[in-house]
Amino acid sequence: MNGEYLAQRLTRPNGPYASLTVVDSTESTNVDLDRMRPPDRTVLIARQQTAGEGRRSRSWTSPPGGLYVSIHYVPGVPPYRLPWLTLLAGVALVNVSLSVGVAAVLKWPNDLLLGPGRRKGAGVLATTSGNGVVLGIGLNVQPVRAEVAPGGLEPTSLAEEGAAELDLTELAARLLLELDRWEAPWRAADGDPFASGLHEEYRRHCVTLGQEVRVELTESSFEGTARYLETDGTLVVRDSQGNDRSVPAGDVVHLRTSTQGEMRRP
């Protein structure tokens, strides 16, 4: 990966980011940026991570050949709208995948599903850091080794799904520009996902909406139909008793396609 090229192309005054650094290896780009407390829109990319972490404290193996990037944001939006950063990351990942010829959709909140088999191609994790947020993304580019733990979903990669572009430098540039394409108007709209167009773009790619799902919480689970997203990105699921239940966090398992599910809030 050509870090000098990326920095010249994507950092000020030529691009939207404050700084961009590429390292050979680190335990976790998210942890590194959290410790640094750097300026808004600081980017750290690693060629390999040795102790990455996914949602619900799952480990995320990050061998060479993938794209592992974290960005420190201080967007200045209301705190209840910050969860949209992770959904925004999912939108960016879908559009990058589509740009290289790979079919891609999202499973709420931000699981990137690639190819006809809809296997998992990326991990996203956001952590608060002072007055900002560190957004971490791990995208599988080269074939995933058999020993890589899937974390609940079968893994795949851009290479395995026949991507037309596998150069890490080019993919990093596409991802960072796609993130800015959605983060900038979202920030300018004070984090409003409707005014910025982010809600509609996310809804367009999310296959969870309208599905029969099982929601697995920390100590319980329930089944129902995924109906719509609240303004803070919370998923609303109508359970078997006809009650709408808000799901701010938890694992969602697709059970079968619903023909009666509602795609947007009535």
C-alpha atoms as a PDB file:
ATOM      1  CA  MET A   1       0.000   0.000   0.000  1.00  0.00           C
ATOM      2  CA  ASN A   2       1.326   3.408  -0.979  1.00  0.00           C
ATOM      3  CA  GLY A   3       0.827   5.606   2.061  1.00  0.00           C
ATOM      4  CA  GLU A   4       2.563   8.633   0.564  1.00  0.00           C
ATOM      5  CA  TYR A   5       0.244   8.606  -2.436  1.00  0.00           C
ATOM      6  CA  LEU A   6      -2.838   8.278  -0.232  1.00  0.00           C
ATOM      7  CA  ALA A   7      -1.732  11.106   2.049  1.00  0.00           C
ATOM      8  CA  GLN A   8      -1.005  13.410  -0.895  1.00  0.00           C
ATOM      9  CA  ARG A   9      -4.341  12.649  -2.540  1.00  0.00           C
ATOM     10  CA  LEU A  10      -6.630  12.596   0.489  1.00  0.00           C
ATOM     11  CA  THR A  11      -5.268  15.016   3.098  1.00  0.00           C
ATOM     12  CA  ARG A  12      -5.555  18.794   3.169  1.00  0.00           C
ATOM     13  CA  PRO A  13      -5.343  20.851   1.041  1.00  0.00           C
ATOM     14  CA  ASN A  14      -5.983  18.186  -1.611  1.00  0.00           C
ATOM     15  CA  GLY A  15      -8.516  16.092   0.295  1.00  0.00           C
ATOM     16  CA  PRO A  16     -10.908  16.072   3.249  1.00  0.00           C
ATOM     17  CA  TYR A  17      -8.691  14.407   5.881  1.00  0.00           C
ATOM     18  CA  ALA A  18      -6.361  16.039   8.412  1.00  0.00           C
ATOM     19  CA  SER A  19      -3.645  13.382   8.183  1.00  0.00           C
ATOM     20  CA  LEU A  20      -3.174   9.821   6.979  1.00  0.00           C
ATOM     21  CA  THR A  21      -0.634   7.275   8.224  1.00  0.00           C
ATOM     22  CA  VAL A  22       0.010   3.698   7.072  1.00  0.00           C
ATOM     23  CA  VAL A  23       1.777   1.239   9.403  1.00  0.00           C
ATOM     24  CA  ASP A  24       2.939  -2.297   8.722  1.00  0.00           C
ATOM     25  CA  SER A  25       1.337  -3.868  11.791  1.00  0.00           C
ATOM     26  CA  THR A  26      -0.447  -2.918  15.004  1.00  0.00           C
ATOM     27  CA  GLU A  27      -2.687  -4.588  17.550  1.00  0.00           C
ATOM     28  CA  SER A  28      -5.652  -2.346  16.723  1.00  0.00           C
ATOM     29  CA  THR A  29      -5.967   0.843  14.702  1.00  0.00           C
ATOM     30  CA  ASN A  30      -8.980   1.840  16.801  1.00  0.00           C
ATOM     31  CA  VAL A  31      -7.011   1.527  20.050  1.00  0.00           C
ATOM     32  CA  ASP A  32      -4.080   3.450  18.593  1.00  0.00           C
ATOM     33  CA  LEU A  33      -6.246   6.396  17.532  1.00  0.00           C
ATOM     34  CA  ASP A  34      -8.102   6.392  20.853  1.00  0.00           C
ATOM     35  CA  ARG A  35      -4.803   6.717  22.697  1.00  0.00           C
ATOM     36  CA  MET A  36      -3.609   9.505  20.418  1.00  0.00           C
ATOM     37  CA  ARG A  37      -6.762  11.662  20.642  1.00  0.00           C
ATOM     38  CA  PRO A  38      -5.766  13.205  17.284  1.00  0.00           C
ATOM     39  CA  PRO A  39      -7.461  15.993  15.304  1.00  0.00           C
ATOM     40  CA  ASP A  40     -10.788  15.508  13.563  1.00  0.00           C
ATOM     41  CA  ARG A  41     -10.614  13.281  10.446  1.00  0.00           C
ATOM     42  CA  THR A  42      -7.290  11.648  11.241  1.00  0.00           C
ATOM     43  CA  VAL A  43      -6.791   8.351   9.381  1.00  0.00           C
ATOM     44  CA  LEU A  44      -4.691   5.346  10.435  1.00  0.00           C
ATOM     45  CA  ILE A  45      -4.317   2.314   8.139  1.00  0.00           C
ATOM     46  CA  ALA A  46      -2.553  -0.946   9.031  1.00  0.00           C
ATOM     47  CA  ARG A  47      -1.387  -3.658   6.681  1.00  0.00           C
ATOM     48  CA  GLN A  48      -2.100  -6.117   9.502  1.00  0.00           C
ATOM     49  CA  GLN A  49      -3.830  -6.094  12.903  1.00  0.00           C
ATOM     50  CA  THR A  50      -2.929  -8.614  15.593  1.00  0.00           C
ATOM     51  CA  ALA A  51      -5.679  -7.913  18.138  1.00  0.00           C
ATOM     52  CA  GLY A  52      -8.647  -6.377  16.334  1.00  0.00           C
ATOM     53  CA  GLU A  53     -12.049  -6.343  18.003  1.00  0.00           C
ATOM     54  CA  GLY A  54     -15.539  -6.579  16.582  1.00  0.00           C
ATOM     55  CA  ARG A  55     -18.986  -5.922  18.001  1.00  0.00           C
ATOM     56  CA  ARG A  56     -19.872  -7.446  21.392  1.00  0.00           C
ATOM     57  CA  SER A  57     -16.145  -7.926  22.123  1.00  0.00           C
ATOM     58  CA  ARG A  58     -15.672 -10.544  19.405  1.00  0.00           C
ATOM     59  CA  SER A  59     -12.128 -10.939  18.134  1.00  0.00           C
ATOM     60  CA  TRP A  60     -11.507  -9.878  14.547  1.00  0.00           C
ATOM     61  CA  THR A  61      -8.583 -11.546  12.824  1.00  0.00           C
ATOM     62  CA  SER A  62      -6.834  -9.141  10.459  1.00  0.00           C
ATOM     63  CA  PRO A  63      -4.161 -10.921   8.405  1.00  0.00           C
ATOM     64  CA  PRO A  64      -2.148  -9.269   5.616  1.00  0.00           C
ATOM     65  CA  GLY A  65      -4.129  -8.788   2.426  1.00  0.00           C
ATOM     66  CA  GLY A  66      -7.084  -6.942   3.931  1.00  0.00           C
ATOM     67  CA  LEU A  67      -7.859  -3.246   4.314  1.00  0.00           C
ATOM     68  CA  TYR A  68      -7.836  -2.121   7.959  1.00  0.00           C
ATOM     69  CA  VAL A  69      -8.573   1.550   8.498  1.00  0.00           C
ATOM     70  CA  SER A  70      -9.694   3.739  11.390  1.00  0.00           C
ATOM     71  CA  ILE A  71     -10.787   7.379  11.288  1.00  0.00           C
ATOM     72  CA  HIS A  72     -11.106   9.743  14.242  1.00  0.00           C
ATOM     73  CA  TYR A  73     -14.157  11.965  13.820  1.00  0.00           C
ATOM     74  CA  VAL A  74     -15.263  14.940  15.891  1.00  0.00           C
ATOM     75  CA  PRO A  75     -18.473  15.682  13.974  1.00  0.00           C
ATOM     76  CA  GLY A  76     -20.115  17.926  16.556  1.00  0.00           C
ATOM     77  CA  VAL A  77     -23.558  16.368  16.079  1.00  0.00           C
ATOM     78  CA  PRO A  78     -26.007  15.488  18.879  1.00  0.00           C
ATOM     79  CA  PRO A  79     -24.793  12.368  20.730  1.00  0.00           C
ATOM     80  CA  TYR A  80     -27.957  10.385  19.952  1.00  0.00           C
ATOM     81  CA  ARG A  81     -27.186  10.672  16.237  1.00  0.00           C
ATOM     82  CA  LEU A  82     -23.619   9.335  16.502  1.00  0.00           C
ATOM     83  CA  PRO A  83     -24.674   5.674  15.942  1.00  0.00           C
ATOM     84  CA  TRP A  84     -25.363   6.658  12.326  1.00  0.00           C
ATOM     85  CA  LEU A  85     -21.596   6.709  11.757  1.00  0.00           C
ATOM     86  CA  THR A  86     -21.514   2.913  11.780  1.00  0.00           C
ATOM     87  CA  LEU A  87     -24.487   2.680   9.418  1.00  0.00           C
ATOM     88  CA  LEU A  88     -22.756   5.259   7.227  1.00  0.00           C
ATOM     89  CA  ALA A  89     -19.706   2.978   7.138  1.00  0.00           C
ATOM     90  CA  GLY A  90     -21.911   0.165   5.885  1.00  0.00           C
ATOM     91  CA  VAL A  91     -23.221   2.363   3.070  1.00  0.00           C
ATOM     92  CA  ALA A  92     -19.663   3.273   2.065  1.00  0.00           C
ATOM     93  CA  LEU A  93     -18.602  -0.386   2.035  1.00  0.00           C
ATOM     94  CA  VAL A  94     -21.560  -1.390  -0.140  1.00  0.00           C
ATOM     95  CA  ASN A  95     -20.817   1.316  -2.680  1.00  0.00           C
ATOM     96  CA  VAL A  96     -17.113   0.467  -2.827  1.00  0.00           C
ATOM     97  CA  SER A  97     -17.957  -3.209  -3.366  1.00  0.00           C
ATOM     98  CA  LEU A  98     -20.422  -2.354  -6.118  1.00  0.00           C
ATOM     99  CA  SER A  99     -17.815  -0.122  -7.765  1.00  0.00           C
ATOM    100  CA  VAL A 100     -15.517  -3.152  -8.244  1.00  0.00           C
ATOM    101  CA  GLY A 101     -18.281  -5.360  -9.619  1.00  0.00           C
ATOM    102  CA  VAL A 102     -19.258  -7.297  -6.498  1.00  0.00           C
ATOM    103  CA  ALA A 103     -22.913  -7.634  -5.498  1.00  0.00           C
ATOM    104  CA  ALA A 104     -23.326  -6.215  -1.990  1.00  0.00           C
ATOM    105  CA  VAL A 105     -26.088  -5.573   0.550  1.00  0.00           C
ATOM    106  CA  LEU A 106     -26.305  -4.727   4.248  1.00  0.00           C
ATOM    107  CA  LYS A 107     -27.630  -6.640   7.220  1.00  0.00           C
ATOM    108  CA  TRP A 108     -28.519  -4.277  10.051  1.00  0.00           C
ATOM    109  CA  PRO A 109     -26.658  -2.534  11.477  1.00  0.00           C
ATOM    110  CA  ASN A 110     -23.523  -2.695   9.314  1.00  0.00           C
ATOM    111  CA  ASP A 111     -22.729  -6.251   8.173  1.00  0.00           C
ATOM    112  CA  LEU A 112     -21.500  -6.176   4.577  1.00  0.00           C
ATOM    113  CA  LEU A 113     -22.849  -9.221   2.708  1.00  0.00           C
ATOM    114  CA  LEU A 114     -21.112 -10.013  -0.557  1.00  0.00           C
ATOM    115  CA  GLY A 115     -21.947 -12.088  -3.616  1.00  0.00           C
ATOM    116  CA  PRO A 116     -24.895 -14.368  -4.336  1.00  0.00           C
ATOM    117  CA  GLY A 117     -24.239 -16.313  -1.121  1.00  0.00           C
ATOM    118  CA  ARG A 118     -24.397 -13.107   0.946  1.00  0.00           C
ATOM    119  CA  ARG A 119     -21.375 -13.954   3.060  1.00  0.00           C
ATOM    120  CA  LYS A 120     -19.725 -11.444   5.390  1.00  0.00           C
ATOM    121  CA  GLY A 121     -17.013  -9.320   3.819  1.00  0.00           C
ATOM    122  CA  ALA A 122     -16.223  -6.650   6.424  1.00  0.00           C
ATOM    123  CA  GLY A 123     -16.344  -5.657  10.060  1.00  0.00           C
ATOM    124  CA  VAL A 124     -17.219  -2.234  11.491  1.00  0.00           C
ATOM    125  CA  LEU A 125     -16.716  -0.966  15.039  1.00  0.00           C
ATOM    126  CA  ALA A 126     -17.103   2.538  16.472  1.00  0.00           C
ATOM    127  CA  THR A 127     -15.794   3.553  19.885  1.00  0.00           C
ATOM    128  CA  THR A 128     -16.139   6.885  21.698  1.00  0.00           C
ATOM    129  CA  SER A 129     -12.906   8.791  22.215  1.00  0.00           C
ATOM    130  CA  GLY A 130     -13.012  11.978  24.263  1.00  0.00           C
ATOM    131  CA  ASN A 131     -15.335  14.304  22.386  1.00  0.00           C
ATOM    132  CA  GLY A 132     -15.100  12.221  19.218  1.00  0.00           C
ATOM    133  CA  VAL A 133     -15.597   8.783  17.744  1.00  0.00           C
ATOM    134  CA  VAL A 134     -13.093   6.322  16.295  1.00  0.00           C
ATOM    135  CA  LEU A 135     -14.638   4.446  13.377  1.00  0.00           C
ATOM    136  CA  GLY A 136     -12.827   1.226  12.483  1.00  0.00           C
ATOM    137  CA  ILE A 137     -13.359  -0.804   9.310  1.00  0.00           C
ATOM    138  CA  GLY A 138     -11.845  -4.113   8.269  1.00  0.00           C
ATOM    139  CA  LEU A 139     -12.542  -5.141   4.660  1.00  0.00           C
ATOM    140  CA  ASN A 140     -11.613  -8.616   3.416  1.00  0.00           C
ATOM    141  CA  VAL A 141      -9.811  -8.147   0.107  1.00  0.00           C
ATOM    142  CA  GLN A 142      -7.732 -11.270  -0.524  1.00  0.00           C
ATOM    143  CA  PRO A 143      -9.149 -14.792   0.093  1.00  0.00           C
ATOM    144  CA  VAL A 144      -9.936 -15.482   3.739  1.00  0.00           C
ATOM    145  CA  ARG A 145      -7.946 -18.290   5.316  1.00  0.00           C
ATOM    146  CA  ALA A 146      -9.898 -21.263   6.667  1.00  0.00           C
ATOM    147  CA  GLU A 147      -8.741 -20.585  10.233  1.00  0.00           C
ATOM    148  CA  VAL A 148     -10.172 -17.063  10.308  1.00  0.00           C
ATOM    149  CA  ALA A 149     -13.101 -17.070  12.728  1.00  0.00           C
ATOM    150  CA  PRO A 150     -16.321 -15.950  10.991  1.00  0.00           C
ATOM    151  CA  GLY A 151     -17.835 -14.290  14.080  1.00  0.00           C
ATOM    152  CA  GLY A 152     -21.322 -15.662  13.419  1.00  0.00           C
ATOM    153  CA  LEU A 153     -21.439 -15.311   9.617  1.00  0.00           C
ATOM    154  CA  GLU A 154     -19.513 -17.226   6.974  1.00  0.00           C
ATOM    155  CA  PRO A 155     -16.689 -14.990   5.692  1.00  0.00           C
ATOM    156  CA  THR A 156     -15.738 -14.095   2.155  1.00  0.00           C
ATOM    157  CA  SER A 157     -13.652 -11.454   0.378  1.00  0.00           C
ATOM    158  CA  LEU A 158     -13.657  -9.225  -2.660  1.00  0.00           C
ATOM    159  CA  ALA A 159     -11.220 -11.586  -4.383  1.00  0.00           C
ATOM    160  CA  GLU A 160     -13.427 -14.616  -3.751  1.00  0.00           C
ATOM    161  CA  GLU A 161     -16.418 -12.756  -5.185  1.00  0.00           C
ATOM    162  CA  GLY A 162     -14.601 -11.805  -8.394  1.00  0.00           C
ATOM    163  CA  ALA A 163     -13.789  -8.130  -7.787  1.00  0.00           C
ATOM    164  CA  ALA A 164     -12.350  -6.250 -10.748  1.00  0.00           C
ATOM    165  CA  GLU A 165     -10.011  -4.217  -8.477  1.00  0.00           C
ATOM    166  CA  LEU A 166      -7.915  -5.649  -5.625  1.00  0.00           C
ATOM    167  CA  ASP A 167      -5.190  -3.031  -5.228  1.00  0.00           C
ATOM    168  CA  LEU A 168      -5.205  -1.955  -1.573  1.00  0.00           C
ATOM    169  CA  THR A 169      -4.128   1.602  -2.326  1.00  0.00           C
ATOM    170  CA  GLU A 170      -6.966   2.125  -4.779  1.00  0.00           C
ATOM    171  CA  LEU A 171      -9.508   0.449  -2.500  1.00  0.00           C
ATOM    172  CA  ALA A 172      -8.400   2.580   0.455  1.00  0.00           C
ATOM    173  CA  ALA A 173      -8.824   5.736  -1.632  1.00  0.00           C
ATOM    174  CA  ARG A 174     -12.273   4.658  -2.799  1.00  0.00           C
ATOM    175  CA  LEU A 175     -13.400   3.806   0.737  1.00  0.00           C
ATOM    176  CA  LEU A 176     -12.155   7.042   2.295  1.00  0.00           C
ATOM    177  CA  LEU A 177     -13.701   9.154  -0.456  1.00  0.00           C
ATOM    178  CA  GLU A 178     -16.988   7.268  -0.156  1.00  0.00           C
ATOM    179  CA  LEU A 179     -16.986   7.813   3.601  1.00  0.00           C
ATOM    180  CA  ASP A 180     -16.494  11.540   3.057  1.00  0.00           C
ATOM    181  CA  ARG A 181     -19.245  11.571   0.433  1.00  0.00           C
ATOM    182  CA  TRP A 182     -21.765  10.639   3.149  1.00  0.00           C
ATOM    183  CA  GLU A 183     -20.141  11.906   6.356  1.00  0.00           C
ATOM    184  CA  ALA A 184     -19.736  15.491   5.139  1.00  0.00           C
ATOM    185  CA  PRO A 185     -23.438  16.136   4.339  1.00  0.00           C
ATOM    186  CA  TRP A 186     -24.514  14.156   7.421  1.00  0.00           C
ATOM    187  CA  ARG A 187     -22.305  16.393   9.563  1.00  0.00           C
ATOM    188  CA  ALA A 188     -23.509  19.534   7.782  1.00  0.00           C
ATOM    189  CA  ALA A 189     -27.105  18.477   8.536  1.00  0.00           C
ATOM    190  CA  ASP A 190     -26.236  18.217  12.259  1.00  0.00           C
ATOM    191  CA  GLY A 191     -26.341  14.418  12.014  1.00  0.00           C
ATOM    192  CA  ASP A 192     -29.869  14.312  10.586  1.00  0.00           C
ATOM    193  CA  PRO A 193     -30.008  11.113   8.473  1.00  0.00           C
ATOM    194  CA  PHE A 194     -33.114  12.246   6.592  1.00  0.00           C
ATOM    195  CA  ALA A 195     -31.958  15.738   5.608  1.00  0.00           C
ATOM    196  CA  SER A 196     -28.549  14.398   4.526  1.00  0.00           C
ATOM    197  CA  GLY A 197     -30.013  11.584   2.409  1.00  0.00           C
ATOM    198  CA  LEU A 198     -28.195   8.952   4.465  1.00  0.00           C
ATOM    199  CA  HIS A 199     -31.360   7.277   5.738  1.00  0.00           C
ATOM    200  CA  GLU A 200     -32.713   6.696   2.241  1.00  0.00           C
ATOM    201  CA  GLU A 201     -29.355   5.443   0.945  1.00  0.00           C
ATOM    202  CA  TYR A 202     -29.030   3.023   3.859  1.00  0.00           C
ATOM    203  CA  ARG A 203     -32.606   1.801   3.481  1.00  0.00           C
ATOM    204  CA  ARG A 204     -31.976   1.172  -0.224  1.00  0.00           C
ATOM    205  CA  HIS A 205     -29.187  -1.286   0.534  1.00  0.00           C
ATOM    206  CA  CYS A 206     -30.447  -2.893   3.770  1.00  0.00           C
ATOM    207  CA  VAL A 207     -32.014  -6.329   3.227  1.00  0.00           C
ATOM    208  CA  THR A 208     -32.978  -6.674   6.904  1.00  0.00           C
ATOM    209  CA  LEU A 209     -35.970  -4.359   6.483  1.00  0.00           C
ATOM    210  CA  GLY A 210     -39.049  -6.407   5.671  1.00  0.00           C
ATOM    211  CA  GLN A 211     -37.406  -9.655   6.829  1.00  0.00           C
ATOM    212  CA  GLU A 212     -38.547 -12.147   9.417  1.00  0.00           C
ATOM    213  CA  VAL A 213     -35.746 -12.023  11.982  1.00  0.00           C
ATOM    214  CA  ARG A 214     -34.617 -13.342  15.326  1.00  0.00           C
ATOM    215  CA  VAL A 215     -33.139 -10.713  17.630  1.00  0.00           C
ATOM    216  CA  GLU A 216     -30.550 -12.117  20.016  1.00  0.00           C
ATOM    217  CA  LEU A 217     -30.035  -9.881  23.014  1.00  0.00           C
ATOM    218  CA  THR A 218     -27.577 -10.393  25.872  1.00  0.00           C
ATOM    219  CA  GLU A 219     -29.913 -12.507  27.988  1.00  0.00           C
ATOM    220  CA  SER A 220     -32.909 -13.206  25.763  1.00  0.00           C
ATOM    221  CA  SER A 221     -34.174 -13.362  22.187  1.00  0.00           C
ATOM    222  CA  PHE A 222     -37.384 -12.845  20.243  1.00  0.00           C
ATOM    223  CA  GLU A 223     -38.663 -13.156  16.659  1.00  0.00           C
ATOM    224  CA  GLY A 224     -40.595 -10.758  14.505  1.00  0.00           C
ATOM    225  CA  THR A 225     -40.593  -8.644  11.353  1.00  0.00           C
ATOM    226  CA  ALA A 226     -38.022  -5.882  10.874  1.00  0.00           C
ATOM    227  CA  ARG A 227     -40.056  -2.808   9.940  1.00  0.00           C
ATOM    228  CA  TYR A 228     -38.138   0.478   9.894  1.00  0.00           C
ATOM    229  CA  LEU A 229     -35.335   2.532  11.432  1.00  0.00           C
ATOM    230  CA  GLU A 230     -35.788   5.188  14.090  1.00  0.00           C
ATOM    231  CA  THR A 231     -34.071   8.553  13.659  1.00  0.00           C
ATOM    232  CA  ASP A 232     -31.116   7.331  15.760  1.00  0.00           C
ATOM    233  CA  GLY A 233     -30.603   4.196  13.647  1.00  0.00           C
ATOM    234  CA  THR A 234     -32.442   1.887  16.042  1.00  0.00           C
ATOM    235  CA  LEU A 235     -34.179  -1.038  14.319  1.00  0.00           C
ATOM    236  CA  VAL A 236     -37.893  -1.490  15.050  1.00  0.00           C
ATOM    237  CA  VAL A 237     -39.130  -5.095  15.005  1.00  0.00           C
ATOM    238  CA  ARG A 238     -42.790  -6.117  15.320  1.00  0.00           C
ATOM    239  CA  ASP A 239     -42.919  -9.233  17.510  1.00  0.00           C
ATOM    240  CA  SER A 240     -45.363 -12.143  17.336  1.00  0.00           C
ATOM    241  CA  GLN A 241     -47.758 -10.337  19.718  1.00  0.00           C
ATOM    242  CA  GLY A 242     -47.976  -7.366  17.365  1.00  0.00           C
ATOM    243  CA  ASN A 243     -45.844  -5.072  19.506  1.00  0.00           C
ATOM    244  CA  ASP A 244     -43.200  -2.830  17.940  1.00  0.00           C
ATOM    245  CA  ARG A 245     -39.928  -3.269  19.820  1.00  0.00           C
ATOM    246  CA  SER A 246     -36.906  -0.998  19.420  1.00  0.00           C
ATOM    247  CA  VAL A 247     -33.564  -2.769  19.049  1.00  0.00           C
ATOM    248  CA  PRO A 248     -30.684  -0.342  19.687  1.00  0.00           C
ATOM    249  CA  ALA A 249     -28.131  -3.165  19.798  1.00  0.00           C
ATOM    250  CA  GLY A 250     -28.037  -6.932  19.393  1.00  0.00           C
ATOM    251  CA  ASP A 251     -27.488  -9.640  16.824  1.00  0.00           C
ATOM    252  CA  VAL A 252     -30.153  -9.972  14.147  1.00  0.00           C
ATOM    253  CA  VAL A 253     -30.537 -13.285  12.322  1.00  0.00           C
ATOM    254  CA  HIS A 254     -32.500 -13.391   9.066  1.00  0.00           C
ATOM    255  CA  LEU A 255     -35.030 -16.233   9.177  1.00  0.00           C
ATOM    256  CA  ARG A 256     -36.824 -15.921   5.832  1.00  0.00           C
ATOM    257  CA  THR A 257     -37.958 -13.231   3.422  1.00  0.00           C
ATOM    258  CA  SER A 258     -41.193 -11.565   4.462  1.00  0.00           C
ATOM    259  CA  THR A 259     -43.635 -10.509   1.754  1.00  0.00           C
ATOM    260  CA  GLN A 260     -45.611  -8.480   4.253  1.00  0.00           C
ATOM    261  CA  GLY A 261     -42.745  -6.581   5.887  1.00  0.00           C
ATOM    262  CA  GLU A 262     -42.888  -2.814   5.720  1.00  0.00           C
ATOM    263  CA  MET A 263     -39.918  -1.074   4.189  1.00  0.00           C
ATOM    264  CA  ARG A 264     -40.383   2.275   5.846  1.00  0.00           C
ATOM    265  CA  ARG A 265     -42.105   3.867   8.798  1.00  0.00           C
ATOM    266  CA  PRO A 266     -45.825   4.430   8.239  1.00  0.00           C
END
